[in-house]
């Protein structure tokens, strides 16, 4: 993990507590999320990703919200 500013650490902690099914980390300036339990075939078909990157914490929060929405529609959230 890259050295993070206090603000980035706060964002990271907030993302991990808000989206407990995902491990969030920062590498080389990119914010990565990895789903702890790999998505099922049905989840993948619906658009659930196992891992993805975004440029910042706000983009990551938006993307994780989309992922949570997909899971909720499937009844898996």
PDB file of N, CA and C in Angstrom:
ATOM      1  N   UNK A   1       0.844  -1.178   0.000  1.00  0.00           N
ATOM      2  CA  UNK A   1       0.000   0.000   0.000  1.00  0.00           C
ATOM      3  C   UNK A   1       0.886   1.237   0.000  1.00  0.00           C
ATOM      4  N   UNK A   2       0.470   2.228  -0.780  1.00  0.00           N
ATOM      5  CA  UNK A   2       1.194   3.488  -0.831  1.00  0.00           C
ATOM      6  C   UNK A   2       0.990   4.244   0.482  1.00  0.00           C
ATOM      7  N   UNK A   3       1.952   5.088   0.839  1.00  0.00           N
ATOM      8  CA  UNK A   3       1.726   5.936   2.014  1.00  0.00           C
ATOM      9  C   UNK A   3       0.510   6.830   1.755  1.00  0.00           C
ATOM     10  N   UNK A   4      -0.384   6.865   2.711  1.00  0.00           N
ATOM     11  CA  UNK A   4      -1.618   7.624   2.546  1.00  0.00           C
ATOM     12  C   UNK A   4      -1.635   8.832   3.460  1.00  0.00           C
ATOM     13  N   UNK A   5      -2.292   9.869   2.994  1.00  0.00           N
ATOM     14  CA  UNK A   5      -2.490  11.045   3.835  1.00  0.00           C
ATOM     15  C   UNK A   5      -3.548  10.698   4.887  1.00  0.00           C
ATOM     16  N   UNK A   6      -3.644  11.488   5.945  1.00  0.00           N
ATOM     17  CA  UNK A   6      -4.700  11.239   6.933  1.00  0.00           C
ATOM     18  C   UNK A   6      -6.100  11.251   6.310  1.00  0.00           C
ATOM     19  N   UNK A   7      -6.332  12.129   5.368  1.00  0.00           N
ATOM     20  CA  UNK A   7      -7.631  12.180   4.697  1.00  0.00           C
ATOM     21  C   UNK A   7      -7.913  10.919   3.896  1.00  0.00           C
ATOM     22  N   UNK A   8      -6.887  10.440   3.191  1.00  0.00           N
ATOM     23  CA  UNK A   8      -7.053   9.204   2.414  1.00  0.00           C
ATOM     24  C   UNK A   8      -7.303   8.014   3.339  1.00  0.00           C
ATOM     25  N   UNK A   9      -6.592   7.979   4.468  1.00  0.00           N
ATOM     26  CA  UNK A   9      -6.822   6.893   5.433  1.00  0.00           C
ATOM     27  C   UNK A   9      -8.254   6.934   5.955  1.00  0.00           C
ATOM     28  N   UNK A  10      -8.771   8.133   6.191  1.00  0.00           N
ATOM     29  CA  UNK A  10     -10.151   8.278   6.655  1.00  0.00           C
ATOM     30  C   UNK A  10     -11.135   7.792   5.586  1.00  0.00           C
ATOM     31  N   UNK A  11     -10.881   8.141   4.332  1.00  0.00           N
ATOM     32  CA  UNK A  11     -11.736   7.661   3.235  1.00  0.00           C
ATOM     33  C   UNK A  11     -11.680   6.143   3.146  1.00  0.00           C
ATOM     34  N   UNK A  12     -10.489   5.587   3.244  1.00  0.00           N
ATOM     35  CA  UNK A  12     -10.320   4.142   3.168  1.00  0.00           C
ATOM     36  C   UNK A  12     -11.101   3.445   4.280  1.00  0.00           C
ATOM     37  N   UNK A  13     -10.980   3.933   5.488  1.00  0.00           N
ATOM     38  CA  UNK A  13     -11.708   3.348   6.620  1.00  0.00           C
ATOM     39  C   UNK A  13     -13.217   3.471   6.413  1.00  0.00           C
ATOM     40  N   UNK A  14     -13.663   4.608   5.911  1.00  0.00           N
ATOM     41  CA  UNK A  14     -15.095   4.805   5.682  1.00  0.00           C
ATOM     42  C   UNK A  14     -15.610   3.841   4.616  1.00  0.00           C
ATOM     43  N   UNK A  15     -14.849   3.653   3.541  1.00  0.00           N
ATOM     44  CA  UNK A  15     -15.272   2.728   2.487  1.00  0.00           C
ATOM     45  C   UNK A  15     -15.346   1.297   3.013  1.00  0.00           C
ATOM     46  N   UNK A  16     -14.336   0.892   3.764  1.00  0.00           N
ATOM     47  CA  UNK A  16     -14.334  -0.485   4.264  1.00  0.00           C
ATOM     48  C   UNK A  16     -15.450  -0.722   5.277  1.00  0.00           C
ATOM     49  N   UNK A  17     -15.805   0.282   6.060  1.00  0.00           N
ATOM     50  CA  UNK A  17     -16.891   0.086   7.020  1.00  0.00           C
ATOM     51  C   UNK A  17     -18.255   0.168   6.339  1.00  0.00           C
ATOM     52  N   UNK A  18     -18.370   0.951   5.284  1.00  0.00           N
ATOM     53  CA  UNK A  18     -19.631   1.085   4.563  1.00  0.00           C
ATOM     54  C   UNK A  18     -19.898  -0.108   3.650  1.00  0.00           C
ATOM     55  N   UNK A  19     -18.837  -0.690   3.114  1.00  0.00           N
ATOM     56  CA  UNK A  19     -18.949  -1.811   2.176  1.00  0.00           C
ATOM     57  C   UNK A  19     -18.138  -2.994   2.717  1.00  0.00           C
ATOM     58  N   UNK A  20     -18.648  -3.668   3.757  1.00  0.00           N
ATOM     59  CA  UNK A  20     -17.855  -4.695   4.435  1.00  0.00           C
ATOM     60  C   UNK A  20     -17.558  -5.937   3.598  1.00  0.00           C
ATOM     61  N   UNK A  21     -18.242  -6.115   2.486  1.00  0.00           N
ATOM     62  CA  UNK A  21     -17.970  -7.275   1.635  1.00  0.00           C
ATOM     63  C   UNK A  21     -16.781  -7.084   0.713  1.00  0.00           C
ATOM     64  N   UNK A  22     -16.134  -5.925   0.829  1.00  0.00           N
ATOM     65  CA  UNK A  22     -15.054  -5.578  -0.087  1.00  0.00           C
ATOM     66  C   UNK A  22     -13.804  -5.173   0.673  1.00  0.00           C
ATOM     67  N   UNK A  23     -12.672  -5.575   0.157  1.00  0.00           N
ATOM     68  CA  UNK A  23     -11.378  -5.089   0.660  1.00  0.00           C
ATOM     69  C   UNK A  23     -10.992  -3.924  -0.235  1.00  0.00           C
ATOM     70  N   UNK A  24     -10.729  -2.776   0.359  1.00  0.00           N
ATOM     71  CA  UNK A  24     -10.360  -1.581  -0.407  1.00  0.00           C
ATOM     72  C   UNK A  24      -8.919  -1.224  -0.072  1.00  0.00           C
ATOM     73  N   UNK A  25      -8.152  -0.884  -1.100  1.00  0.00           N
ATOM     74  CA  UNK A  25      -6.753  -0.514  -0.896  1.00  0.00           C
ATOM     75  C   UNK A  25      -6.359   0.520  -1.945  1.00  0.00           C
ATOM     76  N   UNK A  26      -5.229   1.154  -1.717  1.00  0.00           N
ATOM     77  CA  UNK A  26      -4.700   2.134  -2.667  1.00  0.00           C
ATOM     78  C   UNK A  26      -3.329   1.635  -3.113  1.00  0.00           C
ATOM     79  N   UNK A  27      -3.148   1.553  -4.421  1.00  0.00           N
ATOM     80  CA  UNK A  27      -1.871   1.134  -4.994  1.00  0.00           C
ATOM     81  C   UNK A  27      -1.522   2.052  -6.155  1.00  0.00           C
ATOM     82  N   UNK A  28      -0.350   2.653  -6.078  1.00  0.00           N
ATOM     83  CA  UNK A  28       0.160   3.527  -7.144  1.00  0.00           C
ATOM     84  C   UNK A  28      -0.860   4.586  -7.540  1.00  0.00           C
ATOM     85  N   UNK A  29      -1.536   5.139  -6.540  1.00  0.00           N
ATOM     86  CA  UNK A  29      -2.476   6.216  -6.780  1.00  0.00           C
ATOM     87  C   UNK A  29      -3.876   5.783  -7.184  1.00  0.00           C
ATOM     88  N   UNK A  30      -4.083   4.494  -7.413  1.00  0.00           N
ATOM     89  CA  UNK A  30      -5.397   3.979  -7.791  1.00  0.00           C
ATOM     90  C   UNK A  30      -6.044   3.305  -6.599  1.00  0.00           C
ATOM     91  N   UNK A  31      -7.353   3.463  -6.484  1.00  0.00           N
ATOM     92  CA  UNK A  31      -8.144   2.839  -5.426  1.00  0.00           C
ATOM     93  C   UNK A  31      -8.719   1.540  -5.974  1.00  0.00           C
ATOM     94  N   UNK A  32      -8.401   0.429  -5.298  1.00  0.00           N
ATOM     95  CA  UNK A  32      -8.816  -0.898  -5.726  1.00  0.00           C
ATOM     96  C   UNK A  32      -9.800  -1.485  -4.733  1.00  0.00           C
ATOM     97  N   UNK A  33     -10.778  -2.225  -5.253  1.00  0.00           N
ATOM     98  CA  UNK A  33     -11.707  -2.969  -4.414  1.00  0.00           C
ATOM     99  C   UNK A  33     -11.711  -4.415  -4.889  1.00  0.00           C
ATOM    100  N   UNK A  34     -11.641  -5.331  -3.936  1.00  0.00           N
ATOM    101  CA  UNK A  34     -11.712  -6.758  -4.223  1.00  0.00           C
ATOM    102  C   UNK A  34     -12.825  -7.338  -3.367  1.00  0.00           C
ATOM    103  N   UNK A  35     -13.733  -8.045  -3.999  1.00  0.00           N
ATOM    104  CA  UNK A  35     -14.834  -8.671  -3.278  1.00  0.00           C
ATOM    105  C   UNK A  35     -14.273  -9.856  -2.497  1.00  0.00           C
ATOM    106  N   UNK A  36     -14.556  -9.918  -1.189  1.00  0.00           N
ATOM    107  CA  UNK A  36     -14.027 -11.014  -0.368  1.00  0.00           C
ATOM    108  C   UNK A  36     -14.479 -12.375  -0.887  1.00  0.00           C
ATOM    109  N   UNK A  37     -15.769 -12.516  -1.161  1.00  0.00           N
ATOM    110  CA  UNK A  37     -16.295 -13.763  -1.726  1.00  0.00           C
ATOM    111  C   UNK A  37     -16.418 -13.558  -3.233  1.00  0.00           C
ATOM    112  N   UNK A  38     -15.707 -14.338  -4.018  1.00  0.00           N
ATOM    113  CA  UNK A  38     -15.805 -14.142  -5.470  1.00  0.00           C
ATOM    114  C   UNK A  38     -17.265 -14.233  -5.924  1.00  0.00           C
ATOM    115  N   UNK A  39     -17.636 -13.438  -6.921  1.00  0.00           N
ATOM    116  CA  UNK A  39     -19.020 -13.470  -7.384  1.00  0.00           C
ATOM    117  C   UNK A  39     -19.378 -14.819  -8.001  1.00  0.00           C
ATOM    118  N   UNK A  40     -20.629 -15.198  -7.821  1.00  0.00           N
ATOM    119  CA  UNK A  40     -21.133 -16.419  -8.443  1.00  0.00           C
ATOM    120  C   UNK A  40     -21.307 -16.174  -9.935  1.00  0.00           C
ATOM    121  N   UNK A  41     -21.594 -17.226 -10.661  1.00  0.00           N
ATOM    122  CA  UNK A  41     -21.845 -17.094 -12.092  1.00  0.00           C
ATOM    123  C   UNK A  41     -23.007 -16.147 -12.340  1.00  0.00           C
ATOM    124  N   UNK A  42     -24.079 -16.270 -11.560  1.00  0.00           N
ATOM    125  CA  UNK A  42     -25.240 -15.392 -11.703  1.00  0.00           C
ATOM    126  C   UNK A  42     -24.870 -13.939 -11.402  1.00  0.00           C
ATOM    127  N   UNK A  43     -24.089 -13.724 -10.361  1.00  0.00           N
ATOM    128  CA  UNK A  43     -23.673 -12.372 -10.009  1.00  0.00           C
ATOM    129  C   UNK A  43     -22.800 -11.764 -11.104  1.00  0.00           C
ATOM    130  N   UNK A  44     -21.862 -12.540 -11.624  1.00  0.00           N
ATOM    131  CA  UNK A  44     -20.998 -12.040 -12.713  1.00  0.00           C
ATOM    132  C   UNK A  44     -21.840 -11.660 -13.927  1.00  0.00           C
ATOM    133  N   UNK A  45     -22.824 -12.503 -14.261  1.00  0.00           N
ATOM    134  CA  UNK A  45     -23.688 -12.225 -15.411  1.00  0.00           C
ATOM    135  C   UNK A  45     -24.473 -10.931 -15.210  1.00  0.00           C
ATOM    136  N   UNK A  46     -24.788 -10.613 -13.964  1.00  0.00           N
ATOM    137  CA  UNK A  46     -25.540  -9.396 -13.657  1.00  0.00           C
ATOM    138  C   UNK A  46     -24.648  -8.161 -13.587  1.00  0.00           C
ATOM    139  N   UNK A  47     -23.319  -8.350 -13.583  1.00  0.00           N
ATOM    140  CA  UNK A  47     -22.398  -7.211 -13.575  1.00  0.00           C
ATOM    141  C   UNK A  47     -21.564  -7.047 -12.329  1.00  0.00           C
ATOM    142  N   UNK A  48     -21.633  -8.019 -11.404  1.00  0.00           N
ATOM    143  CA  UNK A  48     -20.805  -7.925 -10.202  1.00  0.00           C
ATOM    144  C   UNK A  48     -19.364  -8.255 -10.576  1.00  0.00           C
ATOM    145  N   UNK A  49     -18.454  -7.412 -10.152  1.00  0.00           N
ATOM    146  CA  UNK A  49     -17.028  -7.585 -10.436  1.00  0.00           C
ATOM    147  C   UNK A  49     -16.318  -8.168  -9.226  1.00  0.00           C
ATOM    148  N   UNK A  50     -15.296  -8.962  -9.484  1.00  0.00           N
ATOM    149  CA  UNK A  50     -14.493  -9.471  -8.371  1.00  0.00           C
ATOM    150  C   UNK A  50     -13.505  -8.422  -7.897  1.00  0.00           C
ATOM    151  N   UNK A  51     -12.954  -7.674  -8.848  1.00  0.00           N
ATOM    152  CA  UNK A  51     -11.963  -6.651  -8.513  1.00  0.00           C
ATOM    153  C   UNK A  51     -12.033  -5.543  -9.557  1.00  0.00           C
ATOM    154  N   UNK A  52     -11.834  -4.315  -9.101  1.00  0.00           N
ATOM    155  CA  UNK A  52     -11.812  -3.187 -10.025  1.00  0.00           C
ATOM    156  C   UNK A  52     -11.070  -2.030  -9.376  1.00  0.00           C
ATOM    157  N   UNK A  53     -10.693  -1.058 -10.204  1.00  0.00           N
ATOM    158  CA  UNK A  53      -9.963   0.115  -9.730  1.00  0.00           C
ATOM    159  C   UNK A  53     -10.689   1.381 -10.157  1.00  0.00           C
ATOM    160  N   UNK A  54     -10.525   2.426  -9.370  1.00  0.00           N
ATOM    161  CA  UNK A  54     -11.038   3.746  -9.683  1.00  0.00           C
ATOM    162  C   UNK A  54      -9.974   4.769  -9.296  1.00  0.00           C
ATOM    163  N   UNK A  55     -10.097   5.997  -9.804  1.00  0.00           N
ATOM    164  CA  UNK A  55      -9.052   6.996  -9.608  1.00  0.00           C
ATOM    165  C   UNK A  55      -9.038   7.638  -8.235  1.00  0.00           C
ATOM    166  N   UNK A  56     -10.122   7.569  -7.505  1.00  0.00           N
ATOM    167  CA  UNK A  56     -10.143   8.222  -6.200  1.00  0.00           C
ATOM    168  C   UNK A  56     -11.226   7.653  -5.307  1.00  0.00           C
ATOM    169  N   UNK A  57     -11.285   8.128  -4.066  1.00  0.00           N
ATOM    170  CA  UNK A  57     -12.235   7.568  -3.112  1.00  0.00           C
ATOM    171  C   UNK A  57     -13.692   7.847  -3.465  1.00  0.00           C
ATOM    172  N   UNK A  58     -13.975   8.984  -4.082  1.00  0.00           N
ATOM    173  CA  UNK A  58     -15.364   9.293  -4.437  1.00  0.00           C
ATOM    174  C   UNK A  58     -15.840   8.407  -5.587  1.00  0.00           C
ATOM    175  N   UNK A  59     -14.966   8.205  -6.564  1.00  0.00           N
ATOM    176  CA  UNK A  59     -15.291   7.298  -7.670  1.00  0.00           C
ATOM    177  C   UNK A  59     -15.458   5.870  -7.163  1.00  0.00           C
ATOM    178  N   UNK A  60     -14.618   5.492  -6.187  1.00  0.00           N
ATOM    179  CA  UNK A  60     -14.724   4.154  -5.622  1.00  0.00           C
ATOM    180  C   UNK A  60     -16.038   3.989  -4.866  1.00  0.00           C
ATOM    181  N   UNK A  61     -16.420   4.991  -4.098  1.00  0.00           N
ATOM    182  CA  UNK A  61     -17.695   4.918  -3.367  1.00  0.00           C
ATOM    183  C   UNK A  61     -18.855   4.763  -4.344  1.00  0.00           C
ATOM    184  N   UNK A  62     -18.819   5.505  -5.441  1.00  0.00           N
ATOM    185  CA  UNK A  62     -19.893   5.410  -6.438  1.00  0.00           C
ATOM    186  C   UNK A  62     -19.930   4.014  -7.059  1.00  0.00           C
ATOM    187  N   UNK A  63     -18.765   3.482  -7.413  1.00  0.00           N
ATOM    188  CA  UNK A  63     -18.711   2.158  -8.039  1.00  0.00           C
ATOM    189  C   UNK A  63     -19.155   1.066  -7.067  1.00  0.00           C
ATOM    190  N   UNK A  64     -18.759   1.169  -5.817  1.00  0.00           N
ATOM    191  CA  UNK A  64     -19.184   0.177  -4.825  1.00  0.00           C
ATOM    192  C   UNK A  64     -20.687   0.266  -4.581  1.00  0.00           C
ATOM    193  N   UNK A  65     -21.243   1.453  -4.643  1.00  0.00           N
ATOM    194  CA  UNK A  65     -22.686   1.618  -4.501  1.00  0.00           C
ATOM    195  C   UNK A  65     -23.413   0.916  -5.648  1.00  0.00           C
ATOM    196  N   UNK A  66     -22.884   1.032  -6.853  1.00  0.00           N
ATOM    197  CA  UNK A  66     -23.460   0.325  -7.999  1.00  0.00           C
ATOM    198  C   UNK A  66     -23.385  -1.183  -7.767  1.00  0.00           C
ATOM    199  N   UNK A  67     -22.236  -1.663  -7.312  1.00  0.00           N
ATOM    200  CA  UNK A  67     -22.089  -3.097  -7.059  1.00  0.00           C
ATOM    201  C   UNK A  67     -23.087  -3.575  -6.004  1.00  0.00           C
ATOM    202  N   UNK A  68     -23.251  -2.795  -4.947  1.00  0.00           N
ATOM    203  CA  UNK A  68     -24.202  -3.144  -3.900  1.00  0.00           C
ATOM    204  C   UNK A  68     -25.629  -3.160  -4.448  1.00  0.00           C
ATOM    205  N   UNK A  69     -25.934  -2.235  -5.340  1.00  0.00           N
ATOM    206  CA  UNK A  69     -27.257  -2.205  -5.968  1.00  0.00           C
ATOM    207  C   UNK A  69     -27.528  -3.455  -6.791  1.00  0.00           C
ATOM    208  N   UNK A  70     -26.536  -3.895  -7.532  1.00  0.00           N
ATOM    209  CA  UNK A  70     -26.687  -5.124  -8.321  1.00  0.00           C
ATOM    210  C   UNK A  70     -26.952  -6.299  -7.382  1.00  0.00           C
ATOM    211  N   UNK A  71     -26.155  -6.404  -6.332  1.00  0.00           N
ATOM    212  CA  UNK A  71     -26.330  -7.491  -5.378  1.00  0.00           C
ATOM    213  C   UNK A  71     -27.705  -7.433  -4.723  1.00  0.00           C
ATOM    214  N   UNK A  72     -28.173  -6.226  -4.415  1.00  0.00           N
ATOM    215  CA  UNK A  72     -29.486  -6.074  -3.791  1.00  0.00           C
ATOM    216  C   UNK A  72     -30.591  -6.549  -4.745  1.00  0.00           C
ATOM    217  N   UNK A  73     -30.475  -6.204  -6.020  1.00  0.00           N
ATOM    218  CA  UNK A  73     -31.486  -6.656  -6.988  1.00  0.00           C
ATOM    219  C   UNK A  73     -31.517  -8.178  -7.099  1.00  0.00           C
ATOM    220  N   UNK A  74     -30.371  -8.799  -6.887  1.00  0.00           N
ATOM    221  CA  UNK A  74     -30.293 -10.258  -6.925  1.00  0.00           C
ATOM    222  C   UNK A  74     -30.725 -10.905  -5.607  1.00  0.00           C
ATOM    223  N   UNK A  75     -30.914 -10.073  -4.588  1.00  0.00           N
ATOM    224  CA  UNK A  75     -31.257 -10.599  -3.272  1.00  0.00           C
ATOM    225  C   UNK A  75     -30.066 -11.078  -2.483  1.00  0.00           C
ATOM    226  N   UNK A  76     -28.863 -10.625  -2.884  1.00  0.00           N
ATOM    227  CA  UNK A  76     -27.618 -11.084  -2.255  1.00  0.00           C
ATOM    228  C   UNK A  76     -26.946 -10.021  -1.391  1.00  0.00           C
ATOM    229  N   UNK A  77     -27.577  -8.877  -1.230  1.00  0.00           N
ATOM    230  CA  UNK A  77     -26.930  -7.809  -0.452  1.00  0.00           C
ATOM    231  C   UNK A  77     -27.221  -7.963   1.035  1.00  0.00           C
TER     232      UNK A  77
END
